[in-house]
Amino acid sequence: MTIKVYDRNSKLVEEGQYMNSLDLLKKYTNLINVDSKKSVVKVYAYYQPLRTGEWRFYDSKGNIEFKKNYYVGSLRDSTILLSK
């Protein structure tokens, strides 16, 4: 999935690609009923997409400020470009 993120003024802030997560993730929440004082653990399953490939980040003038390369959600390297 390709994504482009814009600020409130419709200026491009960042763009890159996501890939599907490798596995189903889980979030645990402990709920306590105030009246009965019983505790229940709720489990929520979800997918978290992972950044992949080259991501480009833009300055306020629309120029590429820096780039980051991801592999399966892990940052591999980044390049800071000097503004002209």
PDB file of N, CA and C in Angstrom:
ATOM      1  N   MET A   1       0.840  -1.152   0.000  1.00  0.00           N
ATOM      2  CA  MET A   1       0.000   0.000   0.000  1.00  0.00           C
ATOM      3  C   MET A   1       0.902   1.237   0.000  1.00  0.00           C
ATOM      4  N   THR A   2       0.645   2.144  -0.897  1.00  0.00           N
ATOM      5  CA  THR A   2       1.368   3.407  -0.955  1.00  0.00           C
ATOM      6  C   THR A   2       0.571   4.463  -0.216  1.00  0.00           C
ATOM      7  N   ILE A   3       1.273   5.295   0.548  1.00  0.00           N
ATOM      8  CA  ILE A   3       0.591   6.331   1.321  1.00  0.00           C
ATOM      9  C   ILE A   3       1.323   7.657   1.165  1.00  0.00           C
ATOM     10  N   LYS A   4       0.548   8.726   1.117  1.00  0.00           N
ATOM     11  CA  LYS A   4       1.077  10.087   1.110  1.00  0.00           C
ATOM     12  C   LYS A   4       0.402  10.830   2.253  1.00  0.00           C
ATOM     13  N   VAL A   5       1.200  11.519   3.061  1.00  0.00           N
ATOM     14  CA  VAL A   5       0.689  12.253   4.213  1.00  0.00           C
ATOM     15  C   VAL A   5       0.820  13.745   3.923  1.00  0.00           C
ATOM     16  N   TYR A   6      -0.296  14.461   4.091  1.00  0.00           N
ATOM     17  CA  TYR A   6      -0.335  15.906   3.849  1.00  0.00           C
ATOM     18  C   TYR A   6      -0.615  16.634   5.156  1.00  0.00           C
ATOM     19  N   ASP A   7      -0.119  17.865   5.276  1.00  0.00           N
ATOM     20  CA  ASP A   7      -0.422  18.675   6.456  1.00  0.00           C
ATOM     21  C   ASP A   7      -1.758  19.391   6.246  1.00  0.00           C
ATOM     22  N   ARG A   8      -2.117  20.248   7.166  1.00  0.00           N
ATOM     23  CA  ARG A   8      -3.408  20.952   7.096  1.00  0.00           C
ATOM     24  C   ARG A   8      -3.488  21.913   5.921  1.00  0.00           C
ATOM     25  N   ASN A   9      -2.342  22.303   5.383  1.00  0.00           N
ATOM     26  CA  ASN A   9      -2.317  23.218   4.243  1.00  0.00           C
ATOM     27  C   ASN A   9      -2.170  22.480   2.915  1.00  0.00           C
ATOM     28  N   SER A  10      -2.427  21.187   2.929  1.00  0.00           N
ATOM     29  CA  SER A  10      -2.363  20.326   1.742  1.00  0.00           C
ATOM     30  C   SER A  10      -0.959  20.232   1.147  1.00  0.00           C
ATOM     31  N   LYS A  11       0.063  20.395   1.979  1.00  0.00           N
ATOM     32  CA  LYS A  11       1.441  20.214   1.524  1.00  0.00           C
ATOM     33  C   LYS A  11       1.900  18.807   1.881  1.00  0.00           C
ATOM     34  N   LEU A  12       2.584  18.177   0.947  1.00  0.00           N
ATOM     35  CA  LEU A  12       3.071  16.819   1.156  1.00  0.00           C
ATOM     36  C   LEU A  12       4.129  16.810   2.254  1.00  0.00           C
ATOM     37  N   VAL A  13       3.963  15.932   3.248  1.00  0.00           N
ATOM     38  CA  VAL A  13       4.877  15.846   4.382  1.00  0.00           C
ATOM     39  C   VAL A  13       5.781  14.619   4.255  1.00  0.00           C
ATOM     40  N   GLU A  14       5.185  13.472   3.908  1.00  0.00           N
ATOM     41  CA  GLU A  14       5.943  12.231   3.733  1.00  0.00           C
ATOM     42  C   GLU A  14       5.193  11.288   2.813  1.00  0.00           C
ATOM     43  N   GLU A  15       5.951  10.369   2.204  1.00  0.00           N
ATOM     44  CA  GLU A  15       5.330   9.354   1.362  1.00  0.00           C
ATOM     45  C   GLU A  15       6.187   8.099   1.373  1.00  0.00           C
ATOM     46  N   GLY A  16       5.530   6.966   1.215  1.00  0.00           N
ATOM     47  CA  GLY A  16       6.226   5.691   1.200  1.00  0.00           C
ATOM     48  C   GLY A  16       5.238   4.551   1.071  1.00  0.00           C
ATOM     49  N   GLN A  17       5.728   3.338   1.358  1.00  0.00           N
ATOM     50  CA  GLN A  17       4.892   2.157   1.218  1.00  0.00           C
ATOM     51  C   GLN A  17       4.847   1.362   2.514  1.00  0.00           C
ATOM     52  N   TYR A  18       3.713   0.704   2.695  1.00  0.00           N
ATOM     53  CA  TYR A  18       3.525  -0.234   3.799  1.00  0.00           C
ATOM     54  C   TYR A  18       3.345  -1.630   3.227  1.00  0.00           C
ATOM     55  N   MET A  19       3.715  -2.628   4.014  1.00  0.00           N
ATOM     56  CA  MET A  19       3.430  -4.016   3.673  1.00  0.00           C
ATOM     57  C   MET A  19       2.592  -4.614   4.807  1.00  0.00           C
ATOM     58  N   ASN A  20       1.989  -5.752   4.550  1.00  0.00           N
ATOM     59  CA  ASN A  20       1.198  -6.415   5.584  1.00  0.00           C
ATOM     60  C   ASN A  20       2.088  -6.829   6.746  1.00  0.00           C
ATOM     61  N   SER A  21       1.509  -6.827   7.941  1.00  0.00           N
ATOM     62  CA  SER A  21       2.273  -7.273   9.103  1.00  0.00           C
ATOM     63  C   SER A  21       2.545  -8.765   8.973  1.00  0.00           C
ATOM     64  N   LEU A  22       3.566  -9.211   9.669  1.00  0.00           N
ATOM     65  CA  LEU A  22       3.978 -10.607   9.568  1.00  0.00           C
ATOM     66  C   LEU A  22       3.062 -11.544  10.332  1.00  0.00           C
ATOM     67  N   ASP A  23       2.365 -11.006  11.331  1.00  0.00           N
ATOM     68  CA  ASP A  23       1.509 -11.846  12.155  1.00  0.00           C
ATOM     69  C   ASP A  23       0.421 -10.983  12.785  1.00  0.00           C
ATOM     70  N   LEU A  24      -0.555 -11.622  13.328  1.00  0.00           N
ATOM     71  CA  LEU A  24      -1.627 -10.948  14.034  1.00  0.00           C
ATOM     72  C   LEU A  24      -1.097 -10.496  15.397  1.00  0.00           C
ATOM     73  N   LEU A  25      -1.257  -9.220  15.728  1.00  0.00           N
ATOM     74  CA  LEU A  25      -0.816  -8.693  17.010  1.00  0.00           C
ATOM     75  C   LEU A  25      -1.993  -8.669  17.979  1.00  0.00           C
ATOM     76  N   LYS A  26      -1.682  -8.616  19.259  1.00  0.00           N
ATOM     77  CA  LYS A  26      -2.736  -8.602  20.268  1.00  0.00           C
ATOM     78  C   LYS A  26      -2.491  -7.500  21.282  1.00  0.00           C
ATOM     79  N   LYS A  27      -3.580  -6.880  21.712  1.00  0.00           N
ATOM     80  CA  LYS A  27      -3.531  -5.866  22.759  1.00  0.00           C
ATOM     81  C   LYS A  27      -4.415  -6.363  23.899  1.00  0.00           C
ATOM     82  N   TYR A  28      -3.881  -6.302  25.105  1.00  0.00           N
ATOM     83  CA  TYR A  28      -4.609  -6.778  26.273  1.00  0.00           C
ATOM     84  C   TYR A  28      -5.064  -5.580  27.112  1.00  0.00           C
ATOM     85  N   THR A  29      -6.324  -5.622  27.533  1.00  0.00           N
ATOM     86  CA  THR A  29      -6.884  -4.563  28.360  1.00  0.00           C
ATOM     87  C   THR A  29      -7.549  -5.189  29.570  1.00  0.00           C
ATOM     88  N   ASN A  30      -7.232  -4.669  30.735  1.00  0.00           N
ATOM     89  CA  ASN A  30      -7.816  -5.161  31.972  1.00  0.00           C
ATOM     90  C   ASN A  30      -8.986  -4.252  32.341  1.00  0.00           C
ATOM     91  N   LEU A  31     -10.182  -4.809  32.376  1.00  0.00           N
ATOM     92  CA  LEU A  31     -11.382  -4.049  32.728  1.00  0.00           C
ATOM     93  C   LEU A  31     -11.852  -4.458  34.115  1.00  0.00           C
ATOM     94  N   ILE A  32     -12.202  -3.487  34.929  1.00  0.00           N
ATOM     95  CA  ILE A  32     -12.682  -3.770  36.281  1.00  0.00           C
ATOM     96  C   ILE A  32     -14.079  -3.197  36.440  1.00  0.00           C
ATOM     97  N   ASN A  33     -15.001  -4.048  36.841  1.00  0.00           N
ATOM     98  CA  ASN A  33     -16.370  -3.618  37.123  1.00  0.00           C
ATOM     99  C   ASN A  33     -16.373  -3.009  38.523  1.00  0.00           C
ATOM    100  N   VAL A  34     -16.711  -1.725  38.603  1.00  0.00           N
ATOM    101  CA  VAL A  34     -16.660  -1.002  39.875  1.00  0.00           C
ATOM    102  C   VAL A  34     -17.644  -1.577  40.887  1.00  0.00           C
ATOM    103  N   ASP A  35     -18.838  -1.995  40.419  1.00  0.00           N
ATOM    104  CA  ASP A  35     -19.865  -2.497  41.335  1.00  0.00           C
ATOM    105  C   ASP A  35     -19.507  -3.866  41.901  1.00  0.00           C
ATOM    106  N   SER A  36     -19.142  -4.788  41.033  1.00  0.00           N
ATOM    107  CA  SER A  36     -18.859  -6.154  41.488  1.00  0.00           C
ATOM    108  C   SER A  36     -17.391  -6.383  41.809  1.00  0.00           C
ATOM    109  N   LYS A  37     -16.536  -5.434  41.448  1.00  0.00           N
ATOM    110  CA  LYS A  37     -15.090  -5.523  41.672  1.00  0.00           C
ATOM    111  C   LYS A  37     -14.467  -6.741  40.980  1.00  0.00           C
ATOM    112  N   LYS A  38     -15.131  -7.200  39.913  1.00  0.00           N
ATOM    113  CA  LYS A  38     -14.575  -8.303  39.132  1.00  0.00           C
ATOM    114  C   LYS A  38     -13.716  -7.749  38.010  1.00  0.00           C
ATOM    115  N   SER A  39     -12.659  -8.463  37.727  1.00  0.00           N
ATOM    116  CA  SER A  39     -11.722  -8.050  36.690  1.00  0.00           C
ATOM    117  C   SER A  39     -11.852  -8.982  35.486  1.00  0.00           C
ATOM    118  N   VAL A  40     -11.844  -8.373  34.302  1.00  0.00           N
ATOM    119  CA  VAL A  40     -11.934  -9.144  33.062  1.00  0.00           C
ATOM    120  C   VAL A  40     -10.830  -8.665  32.130  1.00  0.00           C
ATOM    121  N   VAL A  41     -10.146  -9.606  31.512  1.00  0.00           N
ATOM    122  CA  VAL A  41      -9.112  -9.259  30.542  1.00  0.00           C
ATOM    123  C   VAL A  41      -9.704  -9.414  29.145  1.00  0.00           C
ATOM    124  N   LYS A  42      -9.669  -8.328  28.373  1.00  0.00           N
ATOM    125  CA  LYS A  42     -10.139  -8.345  26.984  1.00  0.00           C
ATOM    126  C   LYS A  42      -8.923  -8.408  26.068  1.00  0.00           C
ATOM    127  N   VAL A  43      -9.026  -9.216  25.034  1.00  0.00           N
ATOM    128  CA  VAL A  43      -7.943  -9.341  24.070  1.00  0.00           C
ATOM    129  C   VAL A  43      -8.447  -8.839  22.720  1.00  0.00           C
ATOM    130  N   TYR A  44      -7.726  -7.859  22.169  1.00  0.00           N
ATOM    131  CA  TYR A  44      -8.068  -7.303  20.869  1.00  0.00           C
ATOM    132  C   TYR A  44      -6.982  -7.710  19.876  1.00  0.00           C
ATOM    133  N   ALA A  45      -7.378  -8.366  18.795  1.00  0.00           N
ATOM    134  CA  ALA A  45      -6.428  -8.781  17.758  1.00  0.00           C
ATOM    135  C   ALA A  45      -6.472  -7.772  16.608  1.00  0.00           C
ATOM    136  N   TYR A  46      -5.283  -7.445  16.077  1.00  0.00           N
ATOM    137  CA  TYR A  46      -5.226  -6.470  14.987  1.00  0.00           C
ATOM    138  C   TYR A  46      -3.963  -6.687  14.162  1.00  0.00           C
ATOM    139  N   TYR A  47      -3.960  -6.129  12.968  1.00  0.00           N
ATOM    140  CA  TYR A  47      -2.782  -6.128  12.109  1.00  0.00           C
ATOM    141  C   TYR A  47      -2.146  -4.750  12.135  1.00  0.00           C
ATOM    142  N   GLN A  48      -0.826  -4.691  12.184  1.00  0.00           N
ATOM    143  CA  GLN A  48      -0.091  -3.429  12.155  1.00  0.00           C
ATOM    144  C   GLN A  48       0.757  -3.425  10.884  1.00  0.00           C
ATOM    145  N   PRO A  49       0.402  -2.605   9.886  1.00  0.00           N
ATOM    146  CA  PRO A  49       1.207  -2.572   8.664  1.00  0.00           C
ATOM    147  C   PRO A  49       2.630  -2.104   8.965  1.00  0.00           C
ATOM    148  N   LEU A  50       3.581  -2.561   8.173  1.00  0.00           N
ATOM    149  CA  LEU A  50       4.996  -2.258   8.380  1.00  0.00           C
ATOM    150  C   LEU A  50       5.522  -1.381   7.255  1.00  0.00           C
ATOM    151  N   ARG A  51       6.329  -0.396   7.603  1.00  0.00           N
ATOM    152  CA  ARG A  51       6.964   0.420   6.573  1.00  0.00           C
ATOM    153  C   ARG A  51       7.958  -0.443   5.810  1.00  0.00           C
ATOM    154  N   THR A  52       8.038  -0.194   4.500  1.00  0.00           N
ATOM    155  CA  THR A  52       8.983  -0.930   3.680  1.00  0.00           C
ATOM    156  C   THR A  52       9.472  -0.033   2.550  1.00  0.00           C
ATOM    157  N   GLY A  53      10.685  -0.273   2.093  1.00  0.00           N
ATOM    158  CA  GLY A  53      11.241   0.501   0.989  1.00  0.00           C
ATOM    159  C   GLY A  53      11.644   1.908   1.391  1.00  0.00           C
ATOM    160  N   GLU A  54      11.778   2.761   0.392  1.00  0.00           N
ATOM    161  CA  GLU A  54      12.219   4.130   0.621  1.00  0.00           C
ATOM    162  C   GLU A  54      11.052   5.033   1.004  1.00  0.00           C
ATOM    163  N   TRP A  55      11.215   5.761   2.081  1.00  0.00           N
ATOM    164  CA  TRP A  55      10.257   6.773   2.509  1.00  0.00           C
ATOM    165  C   TRP A  55      10.903   8.126   2.339  1.00  0.00           C
ATOM    166  N   ARG A  56      10.144   9.081   1.798  1.00  0.00           N
ATOM    167  CA  ARG A  56      10.654  10.429   1.557  1.00  0.00           C
ATOM    168  C   ARG A  56       9.900  11.415   2.451  1.00  0.00           C
ATOM    169  N   PHE A  57      10.659  12.317   3.076  1.00  0.00           N
ATOM    170  CA  PHE A  57      10.109  13.323   3.979  1.00  0.00           C
ATOM    171  C   PHE A  57      10.423  14.699   3.412  1.00  0.00           C
ATOM    172  N   TYR A  58       9.423  15.577   3.397  1.00  0.00           N
ATOM    173  CA  TYR A  58       9.525  16.862   2.717  1.00  0.00           C
ATOM    174  C   TYR A  58       9.545  18.025   3.699  1.00  0.00           C
ATOM    175  N   ASP A  59      10.245  19.095   3.316  1.00  0.00           N
ATOM    176  CA  ASP A  59      10.251  20.321   4.120  1.00  0.00           C
ATOM    177  C   ASP A  59       9.040  21.176   3.749  1.00  0.00           C
ATOM    178  N   SER A  60       8.923  22.330   4.354  1.00  0.00           N
ATOM    179  CA  SER A  60       7.754  23.197   4.129  1.00  0.00           C
ATOM    180  C   SER A  60       7.691  23.767   2.713  1.00  0.00           C
ATOM    181  N   LYS A  61       8.810  23.727   1.994  1.00  0.00           N
ATOM    182  CA  LYS A  61       8.839  24.225   0.617  1.00  0.00           C
ATOM    183  C   LYS A  61       8.557  23.125  -0.409  1.00  0.00           C
ATOM    184  N   GLY A  62       8.368  21.909   0.056  1.00  0.00           N
ATOM    185  CA  GLY A  62       8.070  20.803  -0.857  1.00  0.00           C
ATOM    186  C   GLY A  62       9.292  20.069  -1.370  1.00  0.00           C
ATOM    187  N   ASN A  63      10.473  20.402  -0.841  1.00  0.00           N
ATOM    188  CA  ASN A  63      11.700  19.711  -1.245  1.00  0.00           C
ATOM    189  C   ASN A  63      11.935  18.511  -0.342  1.00  0.00           C
ATOM    190  N   ILE A  64      12.552  17.462  -0.879  1.00  0.00           N
ATOM    191  CA  ILE A  64      12.862  16.298  -0.060  1.00  0.00           C
ATOM    192  C   ILE A  64      13.905  16.701   0.968  1.00  0.00           C
ATOM    193  N   GLU A  65      13.560  16.542   2.236  1.00  0.00           N
ATOM    194  CA  GLU A  65      14.451  16.914   3.330  1.00  0.00           C
ATOM    195  C   GLU A  65      15.361  15.746   3.706  1.00  0.00           C
ATOM    196  N   PHE A  66      14.774  14.541   3.788  1.00  0.00           N
ATOM    197  CA  PHE A  66      15.572  13.345   4.039  1.00  0.00           C
ATOM    198  C   PHE A  66      14.811  12.111   3.584  1.00  0.00           C
ATOM    199  N   LYS A  67      15.543  11.007   3.481  1.00  0.00           N
ATOM    200  CA  LYS A  67      14.978   9.727   3.060  1.00  0.00           C
ATOM    201  C   LYS A  67      15.335   8.680   4.090  1.00  0.00           C
ATOM    202  N   LYS A  68      14.446   7.722   4.258  1.00  0.00           N
ATOM    203  CA  LYS A  68      14.699   6.590   5.144  1.00  0.00           C
ATOM    204  C   LYS A  68      14.352   5.310   4.392  1.00  0.00           C
ATOM    205  N   ASN A  69      15.171   4.293   4.564  1.00  0.00           N
ATOM    206  CA  ASN A  69      14.913   2.995   3.950  1.00  0.00           C
ATOM    207  C   ASN A  69      14.545   1.983   5.020  1.00  0.00           C
ATOM    208  N   TYR A  70      13.426   1.300   4.804  1.00  0.00           N
ATOM    209  CA  TYR A  70      12.917   0.312   5.744  1.00  0.00           C
ATOM    210  C   TYR A  70      12.899  -1.062   5.091  1.00  0.00           C
ATOM    211  N   TYR A  71      13.088  -2.079   5.913  1.00  0.00           N
ATOM    212  CA  TYR A  71      12.940  -3.469   5.465  1.00  0.00           C
ATOM    213  C   TYR A  71      12.114  -4.183   6.520  1.00  0.00           C
ATOM    214  N   VAL A  72      10.940  -4.626   6.139  1.00  0.00           N
ATOM    215  CA  VAL A  72      10.003  -5.325   7.020  1.00  0.00           C
ATOM    216  C   VAL A  72       9.824  -4.564   8.344  1.00  0.00           C
ATOM    217  N   GLY A  73       9.635  -3.249   8.242  1.00  0.00           N
ATOM    218  CA  GLY A  73       9.348  -2.422   9.405  1.00  0.00           C
ATOM    219  C   GLY A  73      10.557  -1.911  10.156  1.00  0.00           C
ATOM    220  N   SER A  74      11.754  -2.396   9.822  1.00  0.00           N
ATOM    221  CA  SER A  74      12.966  -1.952  10.517  1.00  0.00           C
ATOM    222  C   SER A  74      13.707  -0.911   9.686  1.00  0.00           C
ATOM    223  N   LEU A  75      14.136   0.152  10.346  1.00  0.00           N
ATOM    224  CA  LEU A  75      14.900   1.191   9.669  1.00  0.00           C
ATOM    225  C   LEU A  75      16.281   0.646   9.330  1.00  0.00           C
ATOM    226  N   ARG A  76      16.633   0.710   8.049  1.00  0.00           N
ATOM    227  CA  ARG A  76      17.943   0.215   7.602  1.00  0.00           C
ATOM    228  C   ARG A  76      18.960   1.334   7.493  1.00  0.00           C
ATOM    229  N   ASP A  77      18.575   2.455   6.909  1.00  0.00           N
ATOM    230  CA  ASP A  77      19.473   3.617   6.811  1.00  0.00           C
ATOM    231  C   ASP A  77      18.641   4.847   6.499  1.00  0.00           C
ATOM    232  N   SER A  78      19.249   5.996   6.739  1.00  0.00           N
ATOM    233  CA  SER A  78      18.590   7.254   6.416  1.00  0.00           C
ATOM    234  C   SER A  78      19.597   8.206   5.799  1.00  0.00           C
ATOM    235  N   THR A  79      19.107   9.074   4.956  1.00  0.00           N
ATOM    236  CA  THR A  79      19.944  10.049   4.267  1.00  0.00           C
ATOM    237  C   THR A  79      19.354  11.428   4.498  1.00  0.00           C
ATOM    238  N   ILE A  80      20.164  12.331   5.004  1.00  0.00           N
ATOM    239  CA  ILE A  80      19.720  13.714   5.177  1.00  0.00           C
ATOM    240  C   ILE A  80      20.246  14.501   3.985  1.00  0.00           C
ATOM    241  N   LEU A  81      19.341  15.160   3.280  1.00  0.00           N
ATOM    242  CA  LEU A  81      19.727  15.962   2.119  1.00  0.00           C
ATOM    243  C   LEU A  81      19.892  17.406   2.527  1.00  0.00           C
ATOM    244  N   LEU A  82      20.975  18.028   2.123  1.00  0.00           N
ATOM    245  CA  LEU A  82      21.190  19.430   2.446  1.00  0.00           C
ATOM    246  C   LEU A  82      20.309  20.300   1.580  1.00  0.00           C
ATOM    247  N   SER A  83      19.592  21.200   2.210  1.00  0.00           N
ATOM    248  CA  SER A  83      18.710  22.089   1.447  1.00  0.00           C
ATOM    249  C   SER A  83      19.554  23.084   0.637  1.00  0.00           C
ATOM    250  N   LYS A  84      19.016  23.466  -0.514  1.00  0.00           N
ATOM    251  CA  LYS A  84      19.737  24.371  -1.424  1.00  0.00           C
ATOM    252  C   LYS A  84      19.441  25.810  -1.112  1.00  0.00           C
TER     253      LYS A  84
END
